[in-house]
N, C-alpha and C. Protein backbone atom coordinates (compact mmCIF):
# COMPACT_ATOMS: atom_id res chain seq x y z
N UNK A 1 -29.11 17.23 -11.47
CA UNK A 1 -30.50 17.40 -12.02
C UNK A 1 -31.01 15.81 -12.39
N UNK A 2 -32.02 15.55 -11.94
CA UNK A 2 -32.39 14.29 -11.94
C UNK A 2 -33.39 14.18 -12.82
N UNK A 3 -33.48 12.80 -13.67
CA UNK A 3 -34.53 12.58 -14.77
C UNK A 3 -34.90 11.02 -14.58
N UNK A 4 -36.04 11.05 -15.15
CA UNK A 4 -36.46 9.43 -14.91
C UNK A 4 -36.57 8.33 -16.16
N UNK A 5 -36.15 7.38 -15.91
CA UNK A 5 -36.33 6.30 -16.99
C UNK A 5 -37.68 5.77 -17.16
N UNK A 6 -37.48 5.10 -18.36
CA UNK A 6 -39.11 4.35 -18.90
C UNK A 6 -39.75 3.34 -17.72
N UNK A 7 -39.20 2.78 -17.04
CA UNK A 7 -39.66 2.07 -15.74
C UNK A 7 -40.24 2.84 -14.55
N UNK A 8 -39.86 4.49 -14.54
CA UNK A 8 -40.18 5.20 -13.48
C UNK A 8 -39.03 5.58 -12.69
N UNK A 9 -38.02 4.70 -12.82
CA UNK A 9 -36.65 4.82 -11.82
C UNK A 9 -35.95 6.11 -12.02
N UNK A 10 -35.56 6.86 -10.72
CA UNK A 10 -35.17 8.34 -10.60
C UNK A 10 -33.49 7.72 -11.22
N UNK A 11 -33.11 8.71 -12.09
CA UNK A 11 -31.53 8.52 -12.84
C UNK A 11 -30.81 9.73 -12.37
N UNK A 12 -29.73 9.62 -11.40
CA UNK A 12 -29.06 10.88 -10.83
C UNK A 12 -27.98 10.80 -11.68
N UNK A 13 -27.41 11.42 -12.49
CA UNK A 13 -26.23 11.41 -13.17
C UNK A 13 -24.54 11.25 -12.30
N UNK A 14 -23.82 10.66 -12.83
CA UNK A 14 -22.44 11.01 -11.66
C UNK A 14 -22.08 12.13 -12.16
N UNK A 15 -21.32 13.08 -11.13
CA UNK A 15 -21.11 14.27 -10.98
C UNK A 15 -19.83 14.35 -12.02
N UNK A 16 -19.89 15.13 -13.16
CA UNK A 16 -18.59 15.44 -13.57
C UNK A 16 -17.55 16.40 -13.00
N UNK A 17 -16.23 15.65 -13.37
CA UNK A 17 -15.33 16.22 -12.96
C UNK A 17 -14.56 17.04 -13.67
N UNK A 18 -14.90 18.17 -14.39
CA UNK A 18 -14.26 18.79 -14.93
C UNK A 18 -13.08 20.13 -14.61
N UNK A 19 -13.45 20.20 -13.13
CA UNK A 19 -12.39 21.04 -12.58
C UNK A 19 -11.41 20.65 -12.03
N UNK A 20 -10.05 20.09 -12.66
CA UNK A 20 -8.89 19.09 -11.31
C UNK A 20 -8.58 19.51 -10.36
N UNK A 21 -8.56 21.22 -10.29
CA UNK A 21 -8.16 21.54 -8.90
C UNK A 21 -9.21 21.19 -8.08
N UNK A 22 -10.01 20.65 -7.80
CA UNK A 22 -11.14 20.61 -6.93
C UNK A 22 -11.09 18.63 -7.17
N UNK A 23 -10.46 18.37 -7.83
CA UNK A 23 -10.67 16.90 -7.95
C UNK A 23 -9.92 16.01 -6.64
N UNK A 24 -10.87 15.07 -6.20
CA UNK A 24 -9.84 14.28 -4.94
C UNK A 24 -8.82 13.24 -5.36
N UNK A 25 -7.66 13.50 -5.35
CA UNK A 25 -7.06 12.12 -5.92
C UNK A 25 -6.37 11.36 -5.24
N UNK A 26 -6.22 9.97 -5.45
CA UNK A 26 -6.05 9.10 -4.72
C UNK A 26 -4.81 8.23 -5.00
N UNK A 27 -3.76 8.41 -4.03
CA UNK A 27 -2.68 7.68 -4.00
C UNK A 27 -2.87 6.58 -4.22
N UNK A 28 -1.80 5.27 -5.30
CA UNK A 28 -1.96 4.44 -5.12
C UNK A 28 -0.73 3.39 -5.68
N UNK A 29 -0.54 2.10 -5.53
CA UNK A 29 0.42 1.75 -6.00
C UNK A 29 0.40 1.34 -7.77
N UNK A 30 1.73 1.11 -8.36
CA UNK A 30 1.36 0.85 -10.10
C UNK A 30 1.41 -0.74 -9.78
N UNK A 31 1.34 -1.25 -11.00
CA UNK A 31 1.22 -2.54 -11.24
C UNK A 31 2.78 -3.31 -11.02
N UNK A 32 4.05 -2.44 -10.98
CA UNK A 32 5.16 -2.97 -10.97
C UNK A 32 5.48 -3.21 -9.26
N UNK A 33 5.01 -1.86 -8.69
CA UNK A 33 5.26 -1.81 -7.08
C UNK A 33 4.29 -2.95 -6.43
N UNK A 34 3.05 -3.22 -7.18
CA UNK A 34 1.90 -3.66 -6.40
C UNK A 34 2.63 -5.44 -6.29
N UNK A 35 3.24 -5.80 -7.51
CA UNK A 35 3.90 -7.06 -8.29
C UNK A 35 4.70 -7.27 -6.85
N UNK A 36 5.90 -6.41 -7.01
CA UNK A 36 6.83 -6.35 -5.99
C UNK A 36 6.55 -6.70 -4.21
N UNK A 37 5.34 -5.95 -3.98
CA UNK A 37 5.25 -6.09 -2.66
C UNK A 37 4.52 -7.36 -2.23
N UNK A 38 3.24 -8.01 -3.59
CA UNK A 38 2.81 -9.08 -3.55
C UNK A 38 3.46 -10.13 -3.48
N UNK A 39 4.71 -10.43 -3.97
CA UNK A 39 6.02 -11.25 -4.27
C UNK A 39 6.49 -11.56 -3.12
N UNK A 40 6.84 -10.51 -2.15
CA UNK A 40 7.13 -10.46 -0.91
C UNK A 40 6.26 -11.09 -0.08
N UNK A 41 5.13 -10.35 -0.01
CA UNK A 41 4.44 -11.12 0.94
C UNK A 41 3.67 -12.34 0.86
N UNK A 42 3.65 -13.02 -0.86
CA UNK A 42 3.34 -14.52 -0.56
C UNK A 42 5.00 -15.05 -0.01
N UNK A 43 5.80 -14.72 -0.42
CA UNK A 43 7.27 -15.62 0.51
C UNK A 43 7.36 -15.45 1.70
N UNK A 44 6.67 -14.57 2.42
CA UNK A 44 6.30 -14.35 3.90
C UNK A 44 5.34 -15.53 4.43
N UNK A 45 4.35 -15.39 3.79
CA UNK A 45 3.22 -16.47 3.73
C UNK A 45 3.68 -17.69 3.83
N UNK A 46 4.38 -18.23 2.72
CA UNK A 46 5.15 -19.42 2.83
C UNK A 46 6.16 -19.83 3.85
N UNK A 47 6.70 -18.87 4.47
CA UNK A 47 7.66 -18.86 5.34
C UNK A 47 6.88 -19.38 6.79
N UNK A 48 5.61 -18.64 6.59
CA UNK A 48 4.76 -18.86 7.72
C UNK A 48 4.85 -17.13 9.07
N UNK A 49 5.53 -16.23 8.12
CA UNK A 49 5.60 -15.08 9.09
C UNK A 49 4.44 -14.09 9.00
N UNK A 50 3.92 -14.16 7.72
CA UNK A 50 2.62 -13.46 7.92
C UNK A 50 1.33 -14.61 7.18
N UNK A 51 0.18 -13.45 7.78
CA UNK A 51 -1.20 -14.58 7.32
C UNK A 51 -2.10 -13.72 7.01
N UNK A 52 -2.28 -12.49 7.01
CA UNK A 52 -3.05 -11.46 6.62
C UNK A 52 -2.16 -10.07 6.14
N UNK A 53 -3.32 -9.35 5.14
CA UNK A 53 -2.77 -7.88 4.80
C UNK A 53 -3.60 -6.78 5.03
N UNK A 54 -3.43 -5.59 4.51
CA UNK A 54 -4.55 -4.58 4.18
C UNK A 54 -3.97 -3.71 3.48
N UNK A 55 -4.84 -2.85 2.53
CA UNK A 55 -4.19 -1.75 1.82
C UNK A 55 -5.05 -0.38 2.10
N UNK A 56 -4.31 0.39 2.18
CA UNK A 56 -5.41 1.43 2.40
C UNK A 56 -4.64 2.44 1.13
N UNK A 57 -5.95 3.37 0.89
CA UNK A 57 -5.31 4.57 0.08
C UNK A 57 -6.06 5.61 0.21
N UNK A 58 -5.22 6.41 0.49
CA UNK A 58 -5.94 7.89 0.88
C UNK A 58 -5.39 8.95 -0.44
N UNK A 59 -5.68 10.15 0.04
CA UNK A 59 -5.23 11.23 -0.78
C UNK A 59 -3.69 11.61 -1.10
N UNK A 60 -3.18 11.41 0.29
CA UNK A 60 -1.89 11.65 0.73
C UNK A 60 -1.19 10.55 0.60
N UNK A 61 -1.50 9.71 0.97
CA UNK A 61 -0.66 8.02 0.69
C UNK A 61 -1.64 7.03 0.55
N UNK A 62 -0.60 6.17 0.23
CA UNK A 62 -1.16 4.58 0.06
C UNK A 62 -0.04 3.79 1.14
N UNK A 63 -0.68 2.84 1.62
CA UNK A 63 0.00 1.86 2.38
C UNK A 63 -0.53 0.44 2.48
N UNK A 64 0.37 -0.11 2.44
CA UNK A 64 0.44 -2.22 2.69
C UNK A 64 0.89 -2.52 4.38
N UNK A 65 -0.39 -3.00 4.75
CA UNK A 65 0.21 -3.74 6.24
C UNK A 65 0.11 -4.92 6.02
N UNK A 66 0.86 -5.75 6.63
CA UNK A 66 1.00 -7.20 6.80
C UNK A 66 1.08 -7.47 8.20
N UNK A 67 0.44 -8.67 8.49
CA UNK A 67 0.00 -8.94 10.00
C UNK A 67 0.43 -10.73 10.11
N UNK A 68 0.96 -10.66 11.28
CA UNK A 68 1.12 -11.94 11.63
C UNK A 68 -0.15 -12.94 11.83
N UNK A 69 -1.14 -12.14 12.49
CA UNK A 69 -2.59 -12.51 12.87
C UNK A 69 -3.28 -11.61 12.67
N UNK A 70 -4.53 -11.78 12.38
CA UNK A 70 -5.36 -10.70 12.21
C UNK A 70 -6.02 -9.53 13.36
N UNK A 71 -5.74 -10.35 14.42
CA UNK A 71 -6.25 -9.16 15.43
C UNK A 71 -5.07 -8.42 15.61
N UNK A 72 -4.12 -8.69 15.39
CA UNK A 72 -3.02 -7.77 15.99
C UNK A 72 -2.50 -6.27 15.37
N UNK A 73 -1.31 -5.62 15.53
CA UNK A 73 -1.08 -4.41 14.92
C UNK A 73 0.08 -5.41 13.81
N UNK A 74 -0.02 -4.31 12.56
CA UNK A 74 0.51 -4.66 11.59
C UNK A 74 2.29 -5.53 11.74
N UNK A 75 2.76 -6.37 11.79
CA UNK A 75 4.27 -6.39 11.76
C UNK A 75 5.05 -5.77 10.94
N UNK A 76 4.34 -4.83 9.95
CA UNK A 76 5.27 -4.50 8.96
C UNK A 76 4.17 -3.23 8.20
N UNK A 77 4.41 -2.17 7.91
CA UNK A 77 3.96 -1.49 7.24
C UNK A 77 4.91 -0.36 6.03
N UNK A 78 4.30 -0.52 4.73
CA UNK A 78 4.90 0.00 3.93
C UNK A 78 3.96 1.30 3.30
N UNK A 79 4.67 2.15 3.17
CA UNK A 79 3.80 3.63 3.01
C UNK A 79 4.75 4.08 1.89
N UNK A 80 3.80 4.87 1.00
CA UNK A 80 4.24 5.41 -0.48
C UNK A 80 3.44 6.75 -0.15
N UNK A 81 4.14 7.67 -0.04
CA UNK A 81 4.08 9.42 0.15
C UNK A 81 4.56 9.99 -1.23
N UNK A 82 3.88 10.52 -1.95
CA UNK A 82 4.70 11.11 -2.96
C UNK A 82 5.03 12.37 -3.16
N UNK A 83 4.64 13.04 -1.83
CA UNK A 83 4.49 14.35 -1.79
C UNK A 83 6.56 14.32 -1.13
N UNK A 84 6.94 13.61 -0.32
CA UNK A 84 8.30 13.16 -0.12
C UNK A 84 9.17 12.99 -1.00
N UNK A 85 8.62 12.65 -2.17
CA UNK A 85 9.82 12.32 -3.39
C UNK A 85 10.97 13.20 -3.30
N UNK A 86 11.09 14.38 -3.50
CA UNK A 86 11.93 15.26 -3.60
C UNK A 86 12.60 15.05 -2.39
N UNK A 87 12.57 14.83 -1.10
CA UNK A 87 13.21 14.67 -0.24
C UNK A 87 13.72 13.34 0.33
N UNK A 88 13.26 12.94 1.49
CA UNK A 88 13.86 11.43 1.75
C UNK A 88 13.52 10.50 0.95
N UNK A 89 12.35 10.46 0.32
CA UNK A 89 12.28 9.49 -0.57
C UNK A 89 10.56 9.14 -0.22
N UNK A 90 9.70 9.12 -1.15
CA UNK A 90 8.65 8.43 -1.08
C UNK A 90 8.27 7.50 0.02
N UNK A 91 9.06 6.43 -0.26
CA UNK A 91 8.75 5.18 0.33
C UNK A 91 9.20 4.90 2.10
N UNK A 92 8.67 4.54 2.78
CA UNK A 92 8.78 4.17 4.21
C UNK A 92 8.32 2.98 4.63
N UNK A 93 9.26 2.02 5.45
CA UNK A 93 8.96 1.05 6.06
C UNK A 93 8.83 1.05 7.52
N UNK A 94 7.51 0.82 8.23
CA UNK A 94 7.18 1.13 9.36
C UNK A 94 7.57 -0.47 9.98
N UNK A 95 8.21 -0.38 11.26
CA UNK A 95 8.10 -1.26 12.48
C UNK A 95 6.68 -1.83 13.18
N UNK A 96 6.60 -3.07 13.95
CA UNK A 96 5.33 -3.26 14.45
C UNK A 96 4.93 -2.02 15.71
N UNK A 97 6.03 -1.59 16.12
CA UNK A 97 5.75 -0.34 17.46
C UNK A 97 5.69 1.01 16.43
N UNK A 98 5.68 0.73 15.17
CA UNK A 98 5.81 2.11 14.56
C UNK A 98 6.70 3.05 14.19
N UNK A 99 7.58 2.48 14.55
CA UNK A 99 9.34 3.04 14.51
C UNK A 99 9.46 2.57 12.78
N UNK A 100 10.49 3.83 12.12
CA UNK A 100 10.72 3.82 11.22
C UNK A 100 12.14 3.15 10.81
N UNK A 101 12.05 1.83 9.79
CA UNK A 101 12.87 0.88 9.75
C UNK A 101 13.76 1.87 8.70
N UNK A 102 13.25 2.07 7.26
CA UNK A 102 13.93 2.31 6.39
C UNK A 102 13.31 3.26 5.53
N UNK A 103 13.74 4.26 4.75
CA UNK A 103 13.39 5.30 4.03
C UNK A 103 14.06 5.48 2.61
N UNK A 104 13.47 5.70 1.72
CA UNK A 104 14.41 5.53 0.32
C UNK A 104 13.18 6.12 -0.78
N UNK A 105 14.05 6.32 -1.95
CA UNK A 105 13.53 6.45 -3.06
C UNK A 105 13.45 5.30 -3.81
N UNK A 106 14.00 4.56 -3.60
CA UNK A 106 13.52 2.98 -4.39
C UNK A 106 12.95 2.15 -3.54
N UNK A 107 11.93 1.07 -4.18
CA UNK A 107 11.08 0.52 -3.31
C UNK A 107 11.75 -0.92 -2.81
N UNK A 108 12.79 -1.48 -3.48
CA UNK A 108 13.43 -2.55 -3.20
C UNK A 108 14.48 -2.43 -2.51
N UNK A 109 15.30 -1.20 -2.19
CA UNK A 109 16.03 -1.05 -1.02
C UNK A 109 14.96 -0.85 0.17
N UNK A 110 14.13 -0.20 0.09
CA UNK A 110 13.46 -0.15 1.14
C UNK A 110 13.00 -1.37 1.84
N UNK A 111 12.47 -2.29 1.01
CA UNK A 111 11.88 -3.50 1.35
C UNK A 111 13.33 -4.69 1.79
N UNK A 112 14.28 -4.27 1.44
CA UNK A 112 15.46 -5.18 2.12
C UNK A 112 15.53 -5.66 3.48
N UNK A 113 15.12 -5.08 4.42
CA UNK A 113 15.04 -5.20 5.73
C UNK A 113 14.10 -6.66 5.91
N UNK A 114 12.92 -6.72 5.52
CA UNK A 114 12.45 -7.79 5.23
C UNK A 114 12.98 -9.02 4.51
N UNK A 115 13.19 -8.95 3.43
CA UNK A 115 14.09 -9.70 2.49
C UNK A 115 15.05 -10.30 3.33
N UNK A 116 15.66 -9.69 3.97
CA UNK A 116 16.96 -10.21 4.71
C UNK A 116 16.28 -11.65 5.80
N UNK A 117 15.13 -11.36 6.31
CA UNK A 117 14.51 -11.98 7.31
C UNK A 117 14.21 -13.47 6.56
N UNK A 118 14.07 -13.53 5.21
CA UNK A 118 13.72 -14.56 4.36
C UNK A 118 15.05 -15.46 4.08
N UNK A 119 16.19 -14.60 4.18
CA UNK A 119 17.41 -15.48 3.95
C UNK A 119 17.60 -16.18 5.12
N UNK A 120 17.91 -17.81 5.00
CA UNK A 120 18.25 -18.73 5.72
C UNK A 120 19.95 -19.39 5.62
N UNK A 121 20.74 -19.86 6.77
CA UNK A 121 21.71 -20.48 6.80
C UNK A 121 21.44 -22.08 6.10
N UNK A 122 22.07 -22.28 5.35
CA UNK A 122 21.96 -23.85 4.95
C UNK A 122 23.40 -24.61 5.22
N UNK A 123 23.26 -25.30 5.95
CA UNK A 123 24.62 -26.37 6.25
C UNK A 123 24.95 -27.12 5.04
N UNK A 124 26.30 -27.74 4.85
CA UNK A 124 26.88 -28.60 4.15
C UNK A 124 26.30 -30.20 4.51
């Protein structure tokens, strides 16, 4: 039901979402998860490994992709699927070719293969 404002413009009300069953919910990262992910991304940028990232939020999953160059496939893709929370864990880390590198219930554990790349041997 549209109405007009005093200037003659049509005002279309935003649809009320009173029925939660039909609501399209979007999976996302909470503040602590995003802080952890972006902290690792910043360190990888500083190390010269990554240069760009992309995030995708869907009703089933949220993903974070890190790129060495913008025109390539992602070097790493982190995916959060809450539907898998009770099974193998809602976090999955994929490699550049799409292979599963790590799955788990804990974000820090799933990010550990990337964290290891940042470790360097220091000579005395």
